[in-house]
């Protein structure tokens, strides 16, 4: 997809209009004036060539480049050239994104560097959610947000020692959350300590959020129970991004070094099964 601002198309139209009046203004002019206007026509065609290249109007670009030397010798020749540009423009679909959503289109800066480093795959899903939000695909935005959250749920499950007799990618949310909560109960039974208090707070809050995600959005969007509007999708995006900002301080995607409360790096425990299946591809709909 080509990303350009509307002023480029406006400039293209201005250059075409300027070129079209060429033969009108040179009528009954002296040779010196005609040479001057021919230089102006050449400038217009040069600008058109650059704009066609930038807007990926390939056919127009090729034909204009061929007629830069010699220049069109008649009004009809120039009209044929400009009609090609006009025809190619009409074959293009232009998507307009309102200013308040434009910053979310294929955005990289919205997700923090810490989250990108800790959750590269999930960050890609958040980026897809942002782009869907920008293009008014609000239900798709919520769907990608929940895909990102699912990756983080796996990281929480593995960080708390949850295992399955199959790859964790095949475990549903309910099973993962229940097993995480069971591990948290074991943690609460340990002797009092600062580390226990920090771990209990961190993991308990995370588990509560995932249950909320599941019941409020994940089930509803995955099973076509609800269609989302702009405000709802925006709320989900913000909630998920803020959640990642907090969890990325201690959690990482499965297989990446996880940061412990003390700041030392350890490898998250993997389920005792065959290696993890291939990464989810971006924008995959299932």
Protein backbone atom coordinates (compact mmCIF):
# COMPACT_ATOMS: atom_id res chain seq x y z
CA UNK A 1 0.00 0.00 0.00
CA UNK A 2 1.32 3.45 -0.94
CA UNK A 3 1.21 6.01 1.83
CA UNK A 4 1.05 9.62 0.57
CA UNK A 5 -0.66 12.81 1.64
CA UNK A 6 -3.48 14.29 -0.43
CA UNK A 7 -1.39 17.32 -1.41
CA UNK A 8 0.55 15.12 -3.86
CA UNK A 9 -2.63 14.41 -5.83
CA UNK A 10 -3.58 18.09 -5.72
CA UNK A 11 -0.15 19.01 -7.03
CA UNK A 12 -0.50 16.44 -9.80
CA UNK A 13 -3.76 18.08 -10.89
CA UNK A 14 -2.18 21.53 -10.82
CA UNK A 15 0.72 20.40 -13.03
CA UNK A 16 -1.71 18.79 -15.49
CA UNK A 17 -3.83 21.96 -15.65
CA UNK A 18 -0.74 24.11 -16.17
CA UNK A 19 0.47 21.89 -19.03
CA UNK A 20 -2.95 21.90 -20.74
CA UNK A 21 -2.94 25.69 -21.29
CA UNK A 22 0.43 25.62 -23.06
CA UNK A 23 -0.86 25.87 -26.63
CA UNK A 24 -3.37 28.52 -25.68
CA UNK A 25 -0.74 30.90 -24.30
CA UNK A 26 1.81 30.44 -27.12
CA UNK A 27 -0.63 31.39 -29.87
CA UNK A 28 0.70 34.41 -31.84
CA UNK A 29 3.74 34.70 -29.56
CA UNK A 30 7.28 35.52 -30.66
CA UNK A 31 9.91 32.79 -30.95
CA UNK A 32 11.59 33.94 -27.75
CA UNK A 33 8.28 33.73 -25.87
CA UNK A 34 7.52 30.31 -27.36
CA UNK A 35 10.93 29.05 -26.19
CA UNK A 36 10.17 30.45 -22.75
CA UNK A 37 6.78 28.70 -22.62
CA UNK A 38 8.32 25.46 -23.92
CA UNK A 39 10.76 25.57 -20.99
CA UNK A 40 7.79 26.01 -18.65
CA UNK A 41 6.05 23.01 -20.29
CA UNK A 42 9.20 20.96 -19.78
CA UNK A 43 9.22 21.94 -16.09
CA UNK A 44 5.56 20.89 -15.78
CA UNK A 45 6.27 17.52 -17.39
CA UNK A 46 9.32 17.02 -15.16
CA UNK A 47 7.15 17.65 -12.11
CA UNK A 48 4.50 15.29 -13.49
CA UNK A 49 7.15 12.63 -14.03
CA UNK A 50 8.34 12.90 -10.43
CA UNK A 51 4.79 12.81 -9.05
CA UNK A 52 3.81 9.81 -11.21
CA UNK A 53 6.88 7.99 -9.91
CA UNK A 54 6.01 8.85 -6.29
CA UNK A 55 2.35 7.84 -6.75
CA UNK A 56 3.33 4.62 -8.55
CA UNK A 57 1.55 5.60 -11.78
CA UNK A 58 3.87 3.37 -13.78
CA UNK A 59 2.34 3.65 -17.26
CA UNK A 60 2.10 7.42 -17.03
CA UNK A 61 5.68 7.64 -15.79
CA UNK A 62 7.00 5.63 -18.75
CA UNK A 63 5.07 7.62 -21.39
CA UNK A 64 5.95 11.03 -19.92
CA UNK A 65 9.65 10.06 -19.75
CA UNK A 66 9.54 9.18 -23.46
CA UNK A 67 8.10 12.59 -24.39
CA UNK A 68 10.50 14.78 -22.44
CA UNK A 69 12.75 14.92 -25.51
CA UNK A 70 11.33 15.88 -27.91
CA UNK A 71 8.40 17.64 -26.22
CA UNK A 72 4.86 17.06 -27.56
CA UNK A 73 4.56 19.00 -30.84
CA UNK A 74 0.81 19.63 -30.72
CA UNK A 75 -2.04 20.09 -28.31
CA UNK A 76 -3.45 16.71 -29.33
CA UNK A 77 -0.16 14.96 -28.50
CA UNK A 78 -0.11 16.55 -25.05
CA UNK A 79 -3.80 15.71 -24.46
CA UNK A 80 -3.13 12.03 -25.19
CA UNK A 81 -0.30 12.08 -22.65
CA UNK A 82 -2.38 13.76 -19.96
CA UNK A 83 -5.36 11.52 -20.67
CA UNK A 84 -3.18 8.51 -19.83
CA UNK A 85 -2.42 10.05 -16.43
CA UNK A 86 -6.12 10.80 -15.89
CA UNK A 87 -7.15 7.27 -16.89
CA UNK A 88 -4.54 5.64 -14.64
CA UNK A 89 -5.65 7.83 -11.73
CA UNK A 90 -9.26 6.70 -12.17
CA UNK A 91 -8.15 3.07 -11.78
CA UNK A 92 -6.78 3.76 -8.31
CA UNK A 93 -8.70 3.49 -5.04
CA UNK A 94 -7.61 6.14 -2.55
CA UNK A 95 -8.22 5.52 1.14
CA UNK A 96 -8.69 8.60 3.30
CA UNK A 97 -7.84 8.35 7.01
CA UNK A 98 -9.15 11.13 9.28
CA UNK A 99 -6.43 13.06 11.14
CA UNK A 100 -7.41 11.73 14.57
CA UNK A 101 -6.78 8.14 13.40
CA UNK A 102 -3.93 8.71 10.94
CA UNK A 103 -1.22 8.35 13.60
CA UNK A 104 -2.30 4.73 14.17
CA UNK A 105 -1.80 3.63 10.54
CA UNK A 106 1.14 1.18 10.39
CA UNK A 107 2.44 2.87 13.53
CA UNK A 108 5.71 1.77 15.11
CA UNK A 109 6.20 4.44 17.76
CA UNK A 110 2.94 3.79 19.63
CA UNK A 111 4.31 0.58 21.18
CA UNK A 112 7.20 1.21 23.56
CA UNK A 113 10.68 -0.12 22.86
CA UNK A 114 10.51 -2.19 26.04
CA UNK A 115 7.36 -3.96 24.79
CA UNK A 116 8.84 -4.51 21.32
CA UNK A 117 11.93 -6.13 22.85
CA UNK A 118 9.96 -8.29 25.28
CA UNK A 119 7.08 -9.18 22.94
CA UNK A 120 8.12 -8.83 19.27
CA UNK A 121 5.35 -11.10 17.96
CA UNK A 122 2.69 -9.50 20.12
CA UNK A 123 3.94 -6.03 19.13
CA UNK A 124 3.30 -6.97 15.51
CA UNK A 125 -0.27 -7.88 16.45
CA UNK A 126 -0.71 -4.56 18.25
CA UNK A 127 0.58 -2.77 15.15
CA UNK A 128 -2.02 -4.64 13.08
CA UNK A 129 -4.68 -3.64 15.62
CA UNK A 130 -3.60 -0.01 15.28
CA UNK A 131 -3.76 -0.14 11.47
CA UNK A 132 -7.21 -1.75 11.55
CA UNK A 133 -8.36 0.98 13.92
CA UNK A 134 -6.97 3.68 11.60
CA UNK A 135 -8.85 2.20 8.62
CA UNK A 136 -12.14 1.89 10.54
CA UNK A 137 -11.96 -1.92 10.78
CA UNK A 138 -12.84 -1.75 14.45
CA UNK A 139 -13.86 -5.38 15.04
CA UNK A 140 -10.65 -6.53 13.33
CA UNK A 141 -8.73 -4.17 15.60
CA UNK A 142 -10.20 -5.83 18.69
CA UNK A 143 -9.44 -9.25 17.19
CA UNK A 144 -5.73 -8.40 16.73
CA UNK A 145 -5.61 -6.89 20.23
CA UNK A 146 -6.82 -10.19 21.64
CA UNK A 147 -4.25 -12.11 19.57
CA UNK A 148 -1.57 -9.95 21.22
CA UNK A 149 -3.08 -10.58 24.65
CA UNK A 150 -3.10 -14.33 24.03
CA UNK A 151 0.66 -14.30 23.44
CA UNK A 152 1.11 -12.51 26.75
CA UNK A 153 -1.17 -15.02 28.50
CA UNK A 154 1.13 -17.82 27.33
CA UNK A 155 4.10 -15.97 28.77
CA UNK A 156 2.31 -15.63 32.12
CA UNK A 157 1.41 -19.32 32.11
CA UNK A 158 4.96 -20.38 31.46
CA UNK A 159 6.41 -17.87 33.95
CA UNK A 160 4.24 -19.36 36.70
CA UNK A 161 5.28 -22.92 35.83
CA UNK A 162 2.09 -24.01 34.04
CA UNK A 163 2.54 -27.02 31.75
CA UNK A 164 0.32 -28.98 29.38
CA UNK A 165 0.72 -32.41 27.73
CA UNK A 166 0.63 -30.56 24.39
CA UNK A 167 2.04 -27.28 22.99
CA UNK A 168 0.75 -24.31 24.95
CA UNK A 169 -0.53 -22.74 21.72
CA UNK A 170 -3.25 -25.43 21.70
CA UNK A 171 -4.48 -24.57 25.20
CA UNK A 172 -7.56 -22.38 25.41
CA UNK A 173 -7.73 -19.27 27.55
CA UNK A 174 -9.89 -20.83 30.25
CA UNK A 175 -7.50 -23.71 30.86
CA UNK A 176 -4.47 -21.43 30.95
CA UNK A 177 -6.12 -18.97 33.35
CA UNK A 178 -7.31 -21.73 35.69
CA UNK A 179 -3.85 -23.29 35.83
CA UNK A 180 -2.24 -19.89 36.42
CA UNK A 181 -4.66 -19.23 39.27
CA UNK A 182 -3.83 -22.65 40.76
CA UNK A 183 -0.12 -21.77 40.72
CA UNK A 184 -0.89 -18.42 42.34
CA UNK A 185 -2.69 -20.25 45.17
CA UNK A 186 0.44 -22.34 45.72
CA UNK A 187 2.46 -19.14 45.84
CA UNK A 188 0.16 -17.62 48.46
CA UNK A 189 0.83 -20.58 50.75
CA UNK A 190 4.58 -19.89 50.86
CA UNK A 191 6.19 -18.19 53.90
CA UNK A 192 5.99 -14.42 53.96
CA UNK A 193 8.71 -12.51 52.16
CA UNK A 194 9.15 -9.37 50.07
CA UNK A 195 9.62 -11.48 46.92
CA UNK A 196 6.45 -13.47 47.63
CA UNK A 197 4.48 -10.26 48.13
CA UNK A 198 5.77 -8.77 44.85
CA UNK A 199 5.17 -11.98 42.89
CA UNK A 200 1.70 -12.46 44.34
CA UNK A 201 0.69 -8.90 43.46
CA UNK A 202 2.13 -9.09 39.94
CA UNK A 203 0.72 -12.48 38.96
CA UNK A 204 -2.66 -12.03 40.66
CA UNK A 205 -3.29 -8.70 38.93
CA UNK A 206 -2.25 -10.17 35.58
CA UNK A 207 -4.55 -13.20 35.97
CA UNK A 208 -7.47 -10.95 36.87
CA UNK A 209 -6.91 -8.85 33.75
CA UNK A 210 -6.77 -11.93 31.51
CA UNK A 211 -10.06 -13.21 32.86
CA UNK A 212 -11.52 -9.78 32.15
CA UNK A 213 -10.06 -9.79 28.63
CA UNK A 214 -11.53 -13.23 28.00
CA UNK A 215 -15.05 -12.49 29.20
CA UNK A 216 -15.32 -8.91 27.93
CA UNK A 217 -13.67 -9.13 24.49
CA UNK A 218 -11.86 -12.33 23.50
CA UNK A 219 -14.87 -14.68 23.49
CA UNK A 220 -17.16 -12.09 21.95
CA UNK A 221 -14.89 -11.13 19.07
CA UNK A 222 -13.67 -14.69 18.35
CA UNK A 223 -17.17 -16.16 18.19
CA UNK A 224 -18.83 -13.29 16.28
CA UNK A 225 -21.02 -12.28 19.19
CA UNK A 226 -20.36 -8.56 18.87
CA UNK A 227 -19.38 -5.95 16.29
CA UNK A 228 -17.28 -3.12 17.66
CA UNK A 229 -17.42 0.62 17.02
CA UNK A 230 -14.64 3.20 17.11
CA UNK A 231 -14.87 4.11 20.80
CA UNK A 232 -14.92 0.48 21.90
CA UNK A 233 -11.95 -0.47 19.72
CA UNK A 234 -10.01 2.55 20.99
CA UNK A 235 -10.69 1.53 24.58
CA UNK A 236 -9.48 -2.04 23.93
CA UNK A 237 -6.33 -0.77 22.19
CA UNK A 238 -5.42 1.51 25.07
CA UNK A 239 -6.17 -1.14 27.68
CA UNK A 240 -4.02 -3.76 25.95
CA UNK A 241 -1.11 -1.37 25.32
CA UNK A 242 -1.07 -0.17 28.93
CA UNK A 243 -1.24 -3.78 30.13
CA UNK A 244 1.79 -4.70 28.01
CA UNK A 245 3.74 -1.69 29.31
CA UNK A 246 3.38 -3.02 32.86
CA UNK A 247 3.87 -6.75 32.17
CA UNK A 248 6.88 -6.29 29.86
CA UNK A 249 8.90 -5.27 32.90
CA UNK A 250 8.94 -8.89 34.06
CA UNK A 251 7.53 -11.07 31.28
CA UNK A 252 8.79 -11.96 27.81
CA UNK A 253 7.41 -13.98 24.94
CA UNK A 254 7.89 -17.74 25.43
CA UNK A 255 11.42 -18.74 24.55
CA UNK A 256 12.95 -15.31 25.24
CA UNK A 257 14.96 -14.52 28.41
CA UNK A 258 12.56 -13.47 31.17
CA UNK A 259 13.43 -10.76 33.67
CA UNK A 260 12.98 -11.70 37.30
CA UNK A 261 12.03 -9.20 40.04
CA UNK A 262 15.68 -9.04 41.09
CA UNK A 263 16.68 -8.03 37.58
CA UNK A 264 18.55 -11.22 36.64
CA UNK A 265 17.75 -12.97 33.39
CA UNK A 266 16.43 -16.51 33.36
CA UNK A 267 14.92 -18.73 30.70
CA UNK A 268 11.20 -19.22 31.08
CA UNK A 269 10.25 -22.83 31.74
CA UNK A 270 8.80 -24.50 28.67
CA UNK A 271 6.12 -27.17 28.66
CA UNK A 272 7.56 -30.66 28.38
CA UNK A 273 6.42 -31.22 24.83
CA UNK A 274 7.78 -31.04 21.32
CA UNK A 275 9.21 -27.66 20.14
CA UNK A 276 6.87 -24.74 19.67
CA UNK A 277 5.06 -24.60 16.34
CA UNK A 278 5.83 -21.94 13.73
CA UNK A 279 5.19 -18.33 14.66
CA UNK A 280 1.78 -16.86 13.91
CA UNK A 281 1.92 -14.78 10.77
CA UNK A 282 0.87 -11.15 10.87
CA UNK A 283 -2.69 -10.38 9.74
CA UNK A 284 -3.62 -14.06 9.75
CA UNK A 285 -7.38 -14.16 10.33
CA UNK A 286 -7.70 -17.46 12.16
